[in-house]
Amino acid sequence: EKYPKDQLALVVKRKAEAEERRKQEELQAKYDQVIAAADGAFNQDDYTIAKAKYQEASALKPAERYPKDRIAEADKRLAEKAKREEEERKARESEAKYAELITRADKAFSSEKLSAALVDYKDAALLKPTEAHPRDRIIDIESRLDAAAKAKAEEERLAREVADRNKRFADLMAAADKDFGAKKYEQARTGYT
């Protein structure tokens, strides 16, 4: 008879369908559990764990778009966090370098080592252009150095002037002596006066 065979086939088919439904329900429950854990970690800003959980969920149900989108978002936020941390690290290094330069420059300034102080103040001003202390000291040092340079230049100018006058005098005397030796007394007299 055909009926019992058909019924047996129907029982086997329904049993397989029930087993498949049970597996799908288990898979969905596991997926939902992993997604819940991933969402929890994501909402707590723990993007590394969230990403791992979303990857696990994506492996369970590769066709699902949600875990892939959240992985991309987690990667983006991790990159932003790394960038912020790098900027903070650079800011701390810059602050430490600035403090070191100012300390060294202030010490050199107090010791009247103006050239060394000027270099450090200029480096500090490059790190923090809006800070007044290094700018004020740079102006003060440059004015002191300008005054010293002007005084030295004036001293050198006066020395050159004296040297020029002495050379002209020596040249006039030599010419007058030559005229006197050549018995050109009138020209010698003009040269001596």
N, C-alpha and C. Protein backbone atom coordinates (compact mmCIF):
# COMPACT_ATOMS: atom_id res chain seq x y z
N GLU A 1 0.80 -1.19 0.00
CA GLU A 1 0.00 0.00 0.00
C GLU A 1 0.84 1.26 0.00
N LYS A 2 0.28 2.25 -0.65
CA LYS A 2 0.98 3.50 -0.83
C LYS A 2 0.75 4.44 0.35
N TYR A 3 -0.41 4.42 0.94
CA TYR A 3 -0.76 5.37 2.00
C TYR A 3 0.21 5.33 3.19
N PRO A 4 0.53 4.16 3.72
CA PRO A 4 1.46 4.16 4.85
C PRO A 4 2.84 4.71 4.46
N LYS A 5 3.27 4.42 3.24
CA LYS A 5 4.57 4.94 2.79
C LYS A 5 4.53 6.46 2.69
N ASP A 6 3.43 6.99 2.15
CA ASP A 6 3.28 8.45 2.04
C ASP A 6 3.26 9.09 3.42
N GLN A 7 2.57 8.43 4.34
CA GLN A 7 2.47 8.96 5.69
C GLN A 7 3.83 8.93 6.39
N LEU A 8 4.57 7.85 6.16
CA LEU A 8 5.92 7.76 6.74
C LEU A 8 6.83 8.85 6.16
N ALA A 9 6.72 9.08 4.88
CA ALA A 9 7.53 10.13 4.23
C ALA A 9 7.14 11.49 4.78
N LEU A 10 5.83 11.71 5.00
CA LEU A 10 5.35 12.97 5.55
C LEU A 10 5.85 13.16 6.98
N VAL A 11 5.87 12.10 7.76
CA VAL A 11 6.38 12.17 9.14
C VAL A 11 7.86 12.52 9.12
N VAL A 12 8.62 11.87 8.27
CA VAL A 12 10.06 12.14 8.16
C VAL A 12 10.28 13.59 7.73
N LYS A 13 9.48 14.05 6.75
CA LYS A 13 9.61 15.43 6.25
C LYS A 13 9.29 16.43 7.37
N ARG A 14 8.21 16.19 8.09
CA ARG A 14 7.82 17.13 9.15
C ARG A 14 8.82 17.11 10.29
N LYS A 15 9.35 15.94 10.56
CA LYS A 15 10.37 15.82 11.60
C LYS A 15 11.61 16.64 11.20
N ALA A 16 12.03 16.52 9.93
CA ALA A 16 13.19 17.27 9.42
C ALA A 16 12.91 18.77 9.46
N GLU A 17 11.68 19.16 9.09
CA GLU A 17 11.31 20.57 9.14
C GLU A 17 11.35 21.09 10.58
N ALA A 18 10.84 20.28 11.51
CA ALA A 18 10.85 20.68 12.92
C ALA A 18 12.28 20.81 13.42
N GLU A 19 13.15 19.88 13.02
CA GLU A 19 14.57 19.93 13.42
C GLU A 19 15.22 21.18 12.83
N GLU A 20 14.92 21.49 11.58
CA GLU A 20 15.48 22.69 10.93
C GLU A 20 15.00 23.94 11.64
N ARG A 21 13.68 23.99 11.99
CA ARG A 21 13.14 25.14 12.73
C ARG A 21 13.84 25.30 14.07
N ARG A 22 14.03 24.16 14.76
CA ARG A 22 14.70 24.20 16.05
C ARG A 22 16.12 24.75 15.91
N LYS A 23 16.85 24.28 14.88
CA LYS A 23 18.22 24.78 14.63
C LYS A 23 18.20 26.27 14.32
N GLN A 24 17.24 26.71 13.50
CA GLN A 24 17.12 28.13 13.15
C GLN A 24 16.80 28.98 14.39
N GLU A 25 15.93 28.44 15.25
CA GLU A 25 15.58 29.15 16.47
C GLU A 25 16.78 29.25 17.40
N GLU A 26 17.54 28.15 17.51
CA GLU A 26 18.76 28.16 18.32
C GLU A 26 19.77 29.17 17.76
N LEU A 27 19.94 29.14 16.44
CA LEU A 27 20.85 30.06 15.78
C LEU A 27 20.41 31.51 16.03
N GLN A 28 19.10 31.76 15.88
CA GLN A 28 18.58 33.12 16.10
C GLN A 28 18.78 33.54 17.55
N ALA A 29 18.55 32.63 18.48
CA ALA A 29 18.74 32.95 19.90
C ALA A 29 20.21 33.26 20.18
N LYS A 30 21.11 32.46 19.64
CA LYS A 30 22.55 32.70 19.83
C LYS A 30 22.94 34.03 19.18
N TYR A 31 22.43 34.27 17.97
CA TYR A 31 22.70 35.53 17.26
C TYR A 31 22.21 36.71 18.09
N ASP A 32 20.97 36.62 18.58
CA ASP A 32 20.39 37.71 19.38
C ASP A 32 21.20 37.96 20.65
N GLN A 33 21.68 36.88 21.26
CA GLN A 33 22.48 36.99 22.48
C GLN A 33 23.81 37.70 22.18
N VAL A 34 24.47 37.31 21.10
CA VAL A 34 25.76 37.91 20.73
C VAL A 34 25.56 39.39 20.34
N ILE A 35 24.50 39.68 19.59
CA ILE A 35 24.21 41.07 19.19
C ILE A 35 23.93 41.92 20.43
N ALA A 36 23.17 41.36 21.40
CA ALA A 36 22.88 42.10 22.63
C ALA A 36 24.18 42.42 23.37
N ALA A 37 25.09 41.45 23.44
CA ALA A 37 26.39 41.67 24.11
C ALA A 37 27.20 42.72 23.34
N ALA A 38 27.19 42.63 22.02
CA ALA A 38 27.93 43.58 21.19
C ALA A 38 27.36 44.99 21.35
N ASP A 39 26.03 45.11 21.32
CA ASP A 39 25.40 46.42 21.49
C ASP A 39 25.71 47.00 22.86
N GLY A 40 25.70 46.14 23.88
CA GLY A 40 26.04 46.59 25.24
C GLY A 40 27.44 47.14 25.30
N ALA A 41 28.38 46.41 24.74
CA ALA A 41 29.78 46.87 24.73
C ALA A 41 29.91 48.16 23.93
N PHE A 42 29.23 48.23 22.80
CA PHE A 42 29.29 49.43 21.94
C PHE A 42 28.76 50.64 22.70
N ASN A 43 27.63 50.46 23.39
CA ASN A 43 27.04 51.57 24.14
C ASN A 43 27.89 51.99 25.33
N GLN A 44 28.78 51.10 25.79
CA GLN A 44 29.70 51.42 26.88
C GLN A 44 31.04 51.96 26.33
N ASP A 45 31.08 52.23 25.03
CA ASP A 45 32.27 52.75 24.34
C ASP A 45 33.45 51.76 24.37
N ASP A 46 33.15 50.47 24.54
CA ASP A 46 34.19 49.44 24.48
C ASP A 46 34.15 48.85 23.07
N TYR A 47 34.72 49.60 22.14
CA TYR A 47 34.58 49.28 20.72
C TYR A 47 35.36 48.03 20.31
N THR A 48 36.42 47.72 21.00
CA THR A 48 37.21 46.53 20.66
C THR A 48 36.39 45.26 20.92
N ILE A 49 35.79 45.19 22.10
CA ILE A 49 34.95 44.02 22.43
C ILE A 49 33.72 44.00 21.53
N ALA A 50 33.11 45.18 21.33
CA ALA A 50 31.92 45.26 20.48
C ALA A 50 32.24 44.73 19.08
N LYS A 51 33.36 45.15 18.54
CA LYS A 51 33.75 44.72 17.20
C LYS A 51 33.90 43.19 17.14
N ALA A 52 34.55 42.62 18.16
CA ALA A 52 34.74 41.16 18.19
C ALA A 52 33.38 40.45 18.25
N LYS A 53 32.46 40.97 19.04
CA LYS A 53 31.13 40.35 19.15
C LYS A 53 30.35 40.50 17.84
N TYR A 54 30.44 41.66 17.20
CA TYR A 54 29.76 41.84 15.91
C TYR A 54 30.33 40.90 14.86
N GLN A 55 31.64 40.67 14.91
CA GLN A 55 32.26 39.72 13.98
C GLN A 55 31.75 38.30 14.24
N GLU A 56 31.59 37.96 15.52
CA GLU A 56 31.05 36.65 15.88
C GLU A 56 29.61 36.52 15.36
N ALA A 57 28.81 37.56 15.52
CA ALA A 57 27.42 37.55 15.04
C ALA A 57 27.38 37.44 13.52
N SER A 58 28.28 38.15 12.87
CA SER A 58 28.33 38.11 11.40
C SER A 58 28.71 36.71 10.91
N ALA A 59 29.56 36.02 11.68
CA ALA A 59 29.93 34.65 11.31
C ALA A 59 28.73 33.71 11.47
N LEU A 60 27.88 33.99 12.47
CA LEU A 60 26.69 33.15 12.67
C LEU A 60 25.68 33.35 11.54
N LYS A 61 25.50 34.62 11.14
CA LYS A 61 24.53 34.93 10.08
C LYS A 61 25.21 35.89 9.09
N PRO A 62 25.96 35.33 8.15
CA PRO A 62 26.73 36.15 7.21
C PRO A 62 25.87 37.08 6.34
N ALA A 63 24.62 36.76 6.14
CA ALA A 63 23.77 37.58 5.27
C ALA A 63 23.27 38.85 5.97
N GLU A 64 23.37 38.88 7.29
CA GLU A 64 22.85 40.03 8.04
C GLU A 64 23.75 41.25 7.83
N ARG A 65 23.15 42.40 7.58
CA ARG A 65 23.86 43.65 7.31
C ARG A 65 24.23 44.38 8.61
N TYR A 66 23.37 44.27 9.64
CA TYR A 66 23.54 45.03 10.88
C TYR A 66 24.93 44.84 11.51
N PRO A 67 25.42 43.60 11.70
CA PRO A 67 26.75 43.48 12.33
C PRO A 67 27.86 44.11 11.50
N LYS A 68 27.76 44.01 10.19
CA LYS A 68 28.79 44.59 9.32
C LYS A 68 28.82 46.12 9.45
N ASP A 69 27.61 46.73 9.50
CA ASP A 69 27.53 48.18 9.66
C ASP A 69 28.12 48.62 11.00
N ARG A 70 27.82 47.84 12.05
CA ARG A 70 28.32 48.18 13.39
C ARG A 70 29.83 47.97 13.48
N ILE A 71 30.36 46.98 12.77
CA ILE A 71 31.82 46.79 12.73
C ILE A 71 32.47 48.02 12.12
N ALA A 72 31.91 48.51 11.02
CA ALA A 72 32.45 49.70 10.36
C ALA A 72 32.38 50.90 11.31
N GLU A 73 31.28 51.05 12.02
CA GLU A 73 31.13 52.16 12.97
C GLU A 73 32.13 52.02 14.13
N ALA A 74 32.32 50.80 14.62
CA ALA A 74 33.29 50.55 15.70
C ALA A 74 34.70 50.90 15.22
N ASP A 75 35.04 50.50 13.98
CA ASP A 75 36.36 50.84 13.43
C ASP A 75 36.55 52.35 13.35
N LYS A 76 35.50 53.04 12.92
CA LYS A 76 35.56 54.50 12.81
C LYS A 76 35.79 55.13 14.18
N ARG A 77 35.07 54.67 15.17
CA ARG A 77 35.20 55.24 16.52
C ARG A 77 36.55 54.88 17.15
N LEU A 78 37.05 53.69 16.87
CA LEU A 78 38.38 53.32 17.36
C LEU A 78 39.45 54.21 16.73
N ALA A 79 39.31 54.51 15.45
CA ALA A 79 40.26 55.39 14.77
C ALA A 79 40.19 56.80 15.35
N GLU A 80 38.97 57.28 15.61
CA GLU A 80 38.82 58.62 16.21
C GLU A 80 39.44 58.67 17.60
N LYS A 81 39.22 57.60 18.37
CA LYS A 81 39.79 57.53 19.72
C LYS A 81 41.32 57.52 19.66
N ALA A 82 41.88 56.74 18.74
CA ALA A 82 43.34 56.68 18.58
C ALA A 82 43.88 58.05 18.18
N LYS A 83 43.16 58.73 17.29
CA LYS A 83 43.60 60.06 16.86
C LYS A 83 43.57 61.04 18.03
N ARG A 84 42.50 61.00 18.82
CA ARG A 84 42.39 61.88 19.99
C ARG A 84 43.52 61.61 20.98
N GLU A 85 43.79 60.33 21.22
CA GLU A 85 44.86 59.96 22.16
C GLU A 85 46.22 60.44 21.64
N GLU A 86 46.44 60.34 20.34
CA GLU A 86 47.70 60.80 19.76
C GLU A 86 47.83 62.32 19.89
N GLU A 87 46.73 63.04 19.64
CA GLU A 87 46.75 64.49 19.79
C GLU A 87 47.01 64.90 21.24
N GLU A 88 46.41 64.18 22.18
CA GLU A 88 46.63 64.46 23.59
C GLU A 88 48.09 64.19 23.98
N ARG A 89 48.64 63.10 23.45
CA ARG A 89 50.05 62.77 23.74
C ARG A 89 50.97 63.86 23.19
N LYS A 90 50.69 64.31 21.97
CA LYS A 90 51.51 65.37 21.38
C LYS A 90 51.38 66.66 22.17
N ALA A 91 50.17 66.96 22.63
CA ALA A 91 49.95 68.18 23.43
C ALA A 91 50.74 68.10 24.74
N ARG A 92 50.74 66.93 25.37
CA ARG A 92 51.51 66.76 26.62
C ARG A 92 53.01 66.93 26.36
N GLU A 93 53.50 66.33 25.26
CA GLU A 93 54.91 66.47 24.91
C GLU A 93 55.26 67.93 24.63
N SER A 94 54.38 68.60 23.90
CA SER A 94 54.61 70.00 23.57
C SER A 94 54.63 70.86 24.83
N GLU A 95 53.73 70.59 25.75
CA GLU A 95 53.67 71.34 27.01
C GLU A 95 54.95 71.12 27.82
N ALA A 96 55.41 69.87 27.88
CA ALA A 96 56.64 69.56 28.61
C ALA A 96 57.84 70.25 27.95
N LYS A 97 57.91 70.22 26.63
CA LYS A 97 59.01 70.87 25.91
C LYS A 97 58.97 72.38 26.14
N TYR A 98 57.78 72.96 26.10
CA TYR A 98 57.61 74.40 26.34
C TYR A 98 58.12 74.76 27.74
N ALA A 99 57.68 73.99 28.74
CA ALA A 99 58.10 74.27 30.12
C ALA A 99 59.61 74.17 30.27
N GLU A 100 60.21 73.17 29.62
CA GLU A 100 61.66 72.99 29.67
C GLU A 100 62.38 74.20 29.03
N LEU A 101 61.89 74.61 27.86
CA LEU A 101 62.50 75.75 27.16
C LEU A 101 62.39 77.03 27.99
N ILE A 102 61.23 77.28 28.57
CA ILE A 102 61.03 78.50 29.36
C ILE A 102 61.93 78.49 30.59
N THR A 103 62.02 77.35 31.26
CA THR A 103 62.89 77.24 32.44
C THR A 103 64.33 77.53 32.06
N ARG A 104 64.80 76.92 30.99
CA ARG A 104 66.18 77.11 30.54
C ARG A 104 66.41 78.56 30.10
N ALA A 105 65.44 79.12 29.38
CA ALA A 105 65.57 80.50 28.90
C ALA A 105 65.57 81.48 30.06
N ASP A 106 64.69 81.29 31.04
CA ASP A 106 64.64 82.18 32.20
C ASP A 106 65.97 82.13 32.96
N LYS A 107 66.53 80.94 33.09
CA LYS A 107 67.82 80.79 33.79
C LYS A 107 68.92 81.53 33.02
N ALA A 108 68.95 81.35 31.71
CA ALA A 108 69.97 82.04 30.89
C ALA A 108 69.76 83.55 30.95
N PHE A 109 68.51 83.99 30.92
CA PHE A 109 68.19 85.43 30.98
C PHE A 109 68.68 86.01 32.30
N SER A 110 68.45 85.29 33.39
CA SER A 110 68.89 85.75 34.71
C SER A 110 70.41 85.84 34.79
N SER A 111 71.08 84.96 34.06
CA SER A 111 72.55 84.95 34.05
C SER A 111 73.13 85.89 33.00
N GLU A 112 72.26 86.69 32.36
CA GLU A 112 72.67 87.63 31.31
C GLU A 112 73.29 86.94 30.10
N LYS A 113 72.93 85.68 29.88
CA LYS A 113 73.35 84.96 28.67
C LYS A 113 72.23 85.18 27.65
N LEU A 114 72.20 86.38 27.11
CA LEU A 114 71.06 86.82 26.31
C LEU A 114 70.90 86.04 25.00
N SER A 115 71.99 85.72 24.34
CA SER A 115 71.88 85.00 23.07
C SER A 115 71.26 83.62 23.28
N ALA A 116 71.72 82.91 24.30
CA ALA A 116 71.17 81.57 24.59
C ALA A 116 69.70 81.69 25.00
N ALA A 117 69.40 82.68 25.82
CA ALA A 117 68.01 82.89 26.25
C ALA A 117 67.12 83.20 25.06
N LEU A 118 67.62 84.02 24.14
CA LEU A 118 66.84 84.41 22.97
C LEU A 118 66.46 83.20 22.13
N VAL A 119 67.40 82.30 21.91
CA VAL A 119 67.14 81.09 21.12
C VAL A 119 66.03 80.26 21.78
N ASP A 120 66.15 80.05 23.10
CA ASP A 120 65.14 79.23 23.80
C ASP A 120 63.78 79.93 23.83
N TYR A 121 63.76 81.25 24.01
CA TYR A 121 62.47 81.96 24.01
C TYR A 121 61.82 81.88 22.63
N LYS A 122 62.63 81.98 21.57
CA LYS A 122 62.07 81.89 20.22
C LYS A 122 61.50 80.48 19.97
N ASP A 123 62.21 79.45 20.42
CA ASP A 123 61.70 78.08 20.27
C ASP A 123 60.41 77.90 21.06
N ALA A 124 60.34 78.46 22.26
CA ALA A 124 59.13 78.36 23.08
C ALA A 124 57.98 79.11 22.41
N ALA A 125 58.28 80.25 21.82
CA ALA A 125 57.24 81.04 21.15
C ALA A 125 56.69 80.29 19.92
N LEU A 126 57.51 79.48 19.29
CA LEU A 126 57.03 78.67 18.16
C LEU A 126 56.04 77.60 18.66
N LEU A 127 56.30 77.05 19.84
CA LEU A 127 55.40 76.04 20.39
C LEU A 127 54.08 76.63 20.85
N LYS A 128 54.15 77.84 21.44
CA LYS A 128 52.94 78.51 21.94
C LYS A 128 52.97 79.97 21.51
N PRO A 129 52.54 80.25 20.30
CA PRO A 129 52.61 81.61 19.76
C PRO A 129 51.77 82.64 20.52
N THR A 130 50.77 82.18 21.25
CA THR A 130 49.89 83.13 21.94
C THR A 130 50.39 83.52 23.33
N GLU A 131 51.41 82.83 23.83
CA GLU A 131 51.92 83.13 25.17
C GLU A 131 52.70 84.45 25.16
N ALA A 132 52.45 85.28 26.14
CA ALA A 132 53.06 86.60 26.21
C ALA A 132 54.49 86.56 26.75
N HIS A 133 54.75 85.69 27.73
CA HIS A 133 56.07 85.68 28.39
C HIS A 133 57.24 85.57 27.41
N PRO A 134 57.25 84.55 26.53
CA PRO A 134 58.40 84.47 25.61
C PRO A 134 58.47 85.65 24.65
N ARG A 135 57.31 86.12 24.17
CA ARG A 135 57.31 87.27 23.25
C ARG A 135 57.89 88.51 23.93
N ASP A 136 57.47 88.76 25.17
CA ASP A 136 57.97 89.94 25.91
C ASP A 136 59.47 89.85 26.12
N ARG A 137 59.95 88.67 26.48
CA ARG A 137 61.38 88.50 26.71
C ARG A 137 62.18 88.64 25.41
N ILE A 138 61.62 88.15 24.31
CA ILE A 138 62.30 88.28 23.01
C ILE A 138 62.46 89.76 22.67
N ILE A 139 61.42 90.54 22.85
CA ILE A 139 61.48 91.98 22.58
C ILE A 139 62.53 92.64 23.46
N ASP A 140 62.53 92.30 24.76
CA ASP A 140 63.48 92.88 25.71
C ASP A 140 64.92 92.53 25.31
N ILE A 141 65.16 91.25 25.02
CA ILE A 141 66.52 90.81 24.67
C ILE A 141 66.96 91.46 23.37
N GLU A 142 66.08 91.49 22.36
CA GLU A 142 66.47 92.08 21.08
C GLU A 142 66.77 93.56 21.23
N SER A 143 66.03 94.25 22.08
CA SER A 143 66.33 95.68 22.28
C SER A 143 67.66 95.84 22.99
N ARG A 144 67.94 94.97 23.97
CA ARG A 144 69.25 95.03 24.65
C ARG A 144 70.38 94.72 23.66
N LEU A 145 70.16 93.68 22.86
CA LEU A 145 71.20 93.31 21.90
C LEU A 145 71.35 94.40 20.84
N ASP A 146 70.24 95.00 20.42
CA ASP A 146 70.31 96.11 19.46
C ASP A 146 71.10 97.27 20.04
N ALA A 147 70.83 97.61 21.30
CA ALA A 147 71.55 98.72 21.95
C ALA A 147 73.03 98.38 22.04
N ALA A 148 73.35 97.15 22.41
CA ALA A 148 74.75 96.75 22.50
C ALA A 148 75.40 96.75 21.12
N ALA A 149 74.66 96.27 20.11
CA ALA A 149 75.20 96.25 18.75
C ALA A 149 75.40 97.67 18.24
N LYS A 150 74.45 98.57 18.54
CA LYS A 150 74.58 99.97 18.11
C LYS A 150 75.78 100.62 18.78
N ALA A 151 75.96 100.36 20.07
CA ALA A 151 77.10 100.93 20.79
C ALA A 151 78.41 100.41 20.20
N LYS A 152 78.44 99.12 19.90
CA LYS A 152 79.66 98.55 19.31
C LYS A 152 79.90 99.12 17.92
N ALA A 153 78.84 99.29 17.13
CA ALA A 153 78.98 99.85 15.79
C ALA A 153 79.49 101.29 15.86
N GLU A 154 78.96 102.06 16.81
CA GLU A 154 79.41 103.46 16.98
C GLU A 154 80.87 103.48 17.39
N GLU A 155 81.26 102.57 18.28
CA GLU A 155 82.65 102.48 18.73
C GLU A 155 83.56 102.15 17.54
N GLU A 156 83.12 101.20 16.71
CA GLU A 156 83.91 100.82 15.53
C GLU A 156 83.97 101.97 14.53
N ARG A 157 82.87 102.72 14.36
CA ARG A 157 82.86 103.87 13.45
C ARG A 157 83.85 104.93 13.92
N LEU A 158 83.83 105.22 15.21
CA LEU A 158 84.76 106.21 15.76
C LEU A 158 86.21 105.74 15.59
N ALA A 159 86.46 104.46 15.81
CA ALA A 159 87.82 103.92 15.64
C ALA A 159 88.27 104.04 14.19
N ARG A 160 87.34 103.74 13.24
CA ARG A 160 87.68 103.89 11.82
C ARG A 160 87.95 105.36 11.48
N GLU A 161 87.15 106.24 12.04
CA GLU A 161 87.31 107.68 11.78
C GLU A 161 88.67 108.16 12.27
N VAL A 162 89.05 107.72 13.46
CA VAL A 162 90.36 108.09 14.02
C VAL A 162 91.47 107.50 13.15
N ALA A 163 91.30 106.24 12.73
CA ALA A 163 92.32 105.60 11.89
C ALA A 163 92.43 106.33 10.55
N ASP A 164 91.27 106.71 9.96
CA ASP A 164 91.29 107.45 8.69
C ASP A 164 92.00 108.80 8.86
N ARG A 165 91.68 109.50 9.94
CA ARG A 165 92.29 110.81 10.19
C ARG A 165 93.80 110.66 10.37
N ASN A 166 94.21 109.64 11.13
CA ASN A 166 95.65 109.40 11.34
C ASN A 166 96.36 109.05 10.03
N LYS A 167 95.69 108.27 9.17
CA LYS A 167 96.29 107.91 7.88
C LYS A 167 96.43 109.15 7.00
N ARG A 168 95.36 109.98 6.95
CA ARG A 168 95.44 111.21 6.15
C ARG A 168 96.56 112.12 6.66
N PHE A 169 96.68 112.22 8.00
CA PHE A 169 97.73 113.04 8.59
C PHE A 169 99.11 112.51 8.20
N ALA A 170 99.26 111.17 8.32
CA ALA A 170 100.55 110.56 7.98
C ALA A 170 100.85 110.78 6.49
N ASP A 171 99.82 110.65 5.61
CA ASP A 171 100.02 110.87 4.18
C ASP A 171 100.41 112.33 3.90
N LEU A 172 99.75 113.28 4.54
CA LEU A 172 100.08 114.71 4.36
C LEU A 172 101.49 115.02 4.84
N MET A 173 101.86 114.45 5.98
CA MET A 173 103.21 114.68 6.51
C MET A 173 104.26 114.09 5.58
N ALA A 174 103.97 112.89 5.05
CA ALA A 174 104.92 112.25 4.14
C ALA A 174 105.07 113.08 2.87
N ALA A 175 103.96 113.62 2.35
CA ALA A 175 104.02 114.45 1.15
C ALA A 175 104.77 115.76 1.44
N ALA A 176 104.52 116.35 2.61
CA ALA A 176 105.20 117.60 2.98
C ALA A 176 106.70 117.35 3.16
N ASP A 177 107.05 116.21 3.81
CA ASP A 177 108.47 115.87 3.98
C ASP A 177 109.14 115.67 2.63
N LYS A 178 108.43 115.07 1.69
CA LYS A 178 108.97 114.85 0.35
C LYS A 178 109.20 116.20 -0.35
N ASP A 179 108.19 117.09 -0.23
CA ASP A 179 108.34 118.43 -0.82
C ASP A 179 109.50 119.18 -0.17
N PHE A 180 109.65 119.05 1.15
CA PHE A 180 110.73 119.74 1.86
C PHE A 180 112.08 119.21 1.39
N GLY A 181 112.16 117.87 1.20
CA GLY A 181 113.40 117.26 0.72
C GLY A 181 113.71 117.69 -0.71
N ALA A 182 112.68 117.98 -1.50
CA ALA A 182 112.87 118.38 -2.88
C ALA A 182 113.04 119.89 -2.97
N LYS A 183 113.16 120.56 -1.84
CA LYS A 183 113.34 122.00 -1.73
C LYS A 183 112.19 122.78 -2.33
N LYS A 184 110.98 122.18 -2.20
CA LYS A 184 109.76 122.88 -2.60
C LYS A 184 109.14 123.39 -1.31
N TYR A 185 109.75 124.47 -0.80
CA TYR A 185 109.40 124.94 0.55
C TYR A 185 107.97 125.46 0.64
N GLU A 186 107.51 126.12 -0.39
CA GLU A 186 106.16 126.67 -0.33
C GLU A 186 105.14 125.52 -0.25
N GLN A 187 105.29 124.49 -1.05
CA GLN A 187 104.39 123.35 -1.02
C GLN A 187 104.53 122.59 0.30
N ALA A 188 105.75 122.48 0.82
CA ALA A 188 105.99 121.79 2.09
C ALA A 188 105.28 122.55 3.20
N ARG A 189 105.43 123.90 3.18
CA ARG A 189 104.77 124.72 4.20
C ARG A 189 103.25 124.53 4.16
N THR A 190 102.64 124.45 2.97
CA THR A 190 101.19 124.22 2.83
C THR A 190 100.85 122.84 3.37
N GLY A 191 101.67 121.86 3.07
CA GLY A 191 101.41 120.47 3.54
C GLY A 191 101.50 120.37 5.05
N TYR A 192 102.43 121.11 5.66
CA TYR A 192 102.58 121.03 7.11
C TYR A 192 101.46 121.75 7.84
N THR A 193 100.86 122.72 7.17
CA THR A 193 99.81 123.45 7.85
C THR A 193 98.53 122.78 7.53
